[in-house]
Amino acid sequence: MPLQNEAFFVAELTTVGRKTGLPRTIELRTLYLDGRFYASSANIEKKHWCRNMLKNPSVEIRTGNERFRCLAGRVTDEGLRRRVLSFRDSPPLMDREVFEMVPEGQVSHK
């Protein structure tokens, strides 16, 4: 499946377990925007995938037959955070935290 800019899709996100060091995979609603992947959460303290990414930012995104090794981090740029969230819901839920997953070899916009 070719990735379409500004499109949401369900991806498999694999993180490294912060306690076990083992791979942990979940399905996650993901936005593809300008060559990067974005996901958001209303409560990062309760989401294992969020806590795992904060501890170890090396992640993998899988969609269809494509795999992307990425570095993940919390989006701190308020303009980018709001832009990403504006794609999610109508009206957008602006109180969510946003994570950016940058494919290897690219520079982050966090």
Protein backbone atom coordinates (compact mmCIF):
# COMPACT_ATOMS: atom_id res chain seq x y z
CA MET A 1 0.00 0.00 0.00
CA PRO A 2 1.58 3.29 -1.03
CA LEU A 3 1.55 5.81 1.81
CA GLN A 4 -0.56 8.86 1.15
CA ASN A 5 0.40 12.17 2.72
CA GLU A 6 -2.07 13.38 5.38
CA ALA A 7 -3.68 9.92 5.60
CA PHE A 8 -4.56 7.87 8.66
CA PHE A 9 -4.10 4.11 8.67
CA VAL A 10 -3.75 1.33 11.19
CA ALA A 11 -0.10 0.37 11.56
CA GLU A 12 1.73 -2.13 13.68
CA LEU A 13 4.04 -0.31 16.07
CA THR A 14 6.82 -2.34 17.64
CA THR A 15 8.56 -0.85 20.67
CA VAL A 16 11.13 -2.28 23.06
CA GLY A 17 9.62 -3.18 26.43
CA ARG A 18 11.04 -0.77 29.01
CA LYS A 19 11.29 -3.49 31.67
CA THR A 20 11.84 -6.68 29.66
CA GLY A 21 13.79 -5.39 26.66
CA LEU A 22 11.57 -7.59 24.47
CA PRO A 23 9.72 -6.41 21.35
CA ARG A 24 6.15 -5.28 21.99
CA THR A 25 3.78 -4.84 19.05
CA ILE A 26 0.39 -3.13 18.99
CA GLU A 27 -1.96 -1.90 16.29
CA LEU A 28 -2.17 1.86 16.36
CA ARG A 29 -4.00 4.54 14.41
CA THR A 30 -1.18 6.42 12.68
CA LEU A 31 -0.96 9.57 10.58
CA TYR A 32 1.51 9.75 7.70
CA LEU A 33 2.50 13.38 7.20
CA ASP A 34 5.41 14.79 5.21
CA GLY A 35 7.38 11.54 5.31
CA ARG A 36 6.94 10.94 9.04
CA PHE A 37 4.55 8.96 11.19
CA TYR A 38 2.51 10.41 14.06
CA ALA A 39 0.42 8.88 16.82
CA SER A 40 -1.27 10.48 19.79
CA SER A 41 -2.48 9.52 23.23
CA ALA A 42 -4.64 11.20 25.84
CA ASN A 43 -2.73 9.63 28.72
CA ILE A 44 0.87 8.63 28.13
CA GLU A 45 1.38 7.51 31.73
CA LYS A 46 -1.08 4.64 31.23
CA LYS A 47 -0.09 3.59 27.71
CA HIS A 48 2.73 1.05 27.58
CA TRP A 49 3.64 1.95 24.00
CA CYS A 50 4.15 5.59 25.02
CA ARG A 51 6.24 4.74 28.05
CA ASN A 52 8.29 2.25 26.03
CA MET A 53 9.06 4.88 23.36
CA LEU A 54 10.09 7.41 26.00
CA LYS A 55 12.55 4.89 27.46
CA ASN A 56 13.82 3.55 24.11
CA PRO A 57 13.04 5.65 21.01
CA SER A 58 14.00 2.92 18.50
CA VAL A 59 10.73 1.66 17.01
CA GLU A 60 9.41 -0.02 13.90
CA ILE A 61 6.28 0.85 11.94
CA ARG A 62 4.76 -1.82 9.71
CA THR A 63 2.02 -1.27 7.19
CA GLY A 64 1.20 -3.99 4.70
CA ASN A 65 4.53 -5.35 3.46
CA GLU A 66 6.48 -2.19 4.30
CA ARG A 67 8.60 -1.78 7.43
CA PHE A 68 10.14 1.46 8.63
CA ARG A 69 12.78 1.60 11.35
CA CYS A 70 12.24 4.91 13.13
CA LEU A 71 13.33 7.07 16.01
CA ALA A 72 10.40 8.26 18.10
CA GLY A 73 9.92 11.20 20.39
CA ARG A 74 7.30 13.46 21.86
CA VAL A 75 6.40 16.46 19.69
CA THR A 76 7.32 19.61 21.58
CA ASP A 77 6.65 22.12 18.79
CA GLU A 78 3.14 23.38 19.56
CA GLY A 79 2.38 24.30 15.94
CA LEU A 80 3.27 20.82 14.70
CA ARG A 81 1.37 19.17 17.57
CA ARG A 82 -1.77 21.16 16.75
CA ARG A 83 -1.37 20.48 13.01
CA VAL A 84 -1.16 16.72 13.60
CA LEU A 85 -4.13 16.72 15.96
CA SER A 86 -6.23 18.75 13.50
CA PHE A 87 -6.25 15.73 11.17
CA ARG A 88 -7.49 13.34 13.86
CA ASP A 89 -11.01 14.28 14.90
CA SER A 90 -13.72 16.79 14.14
CA PRO A 91 -13.49 18.80 16.29
CA PRO A 92 -9.89 17.91 17.09
CA LEU A 93 -9.01 16.70 20.59
CA MET A 94 -6.24 19.19 21.30
CA ASP A 95 -5.31 17.91 24.77
CA ARG A 96 -3.56 14.80 23.42
CA GLU A 97 0.19 14.19 23.41
CA VAL A 98 1.70 13.57 19.98
CA PHE A 99 4.62 11.32 19.11
CA GLU A 100 6.64 11.65 15.92
CA MET A 101 8.32 8.59 14.42
CA VAL A 102 11.03 9.59 11.97
CA PRO A 103 12.31 6.96 9.52
CA GLU A 104 16.05 6.34 9.79
CA GLY A 105 18.10 8.84 7.82
CA GLN A 106 15.68 11.76 8.24
CA VAL A 107 15.87 14.73 10.59
CA SER A 108 13.15 15.23 13.22
CA HIS A 109 10.82 18.24 13.25
CA LYS A 110 9.88 17.77 16.92
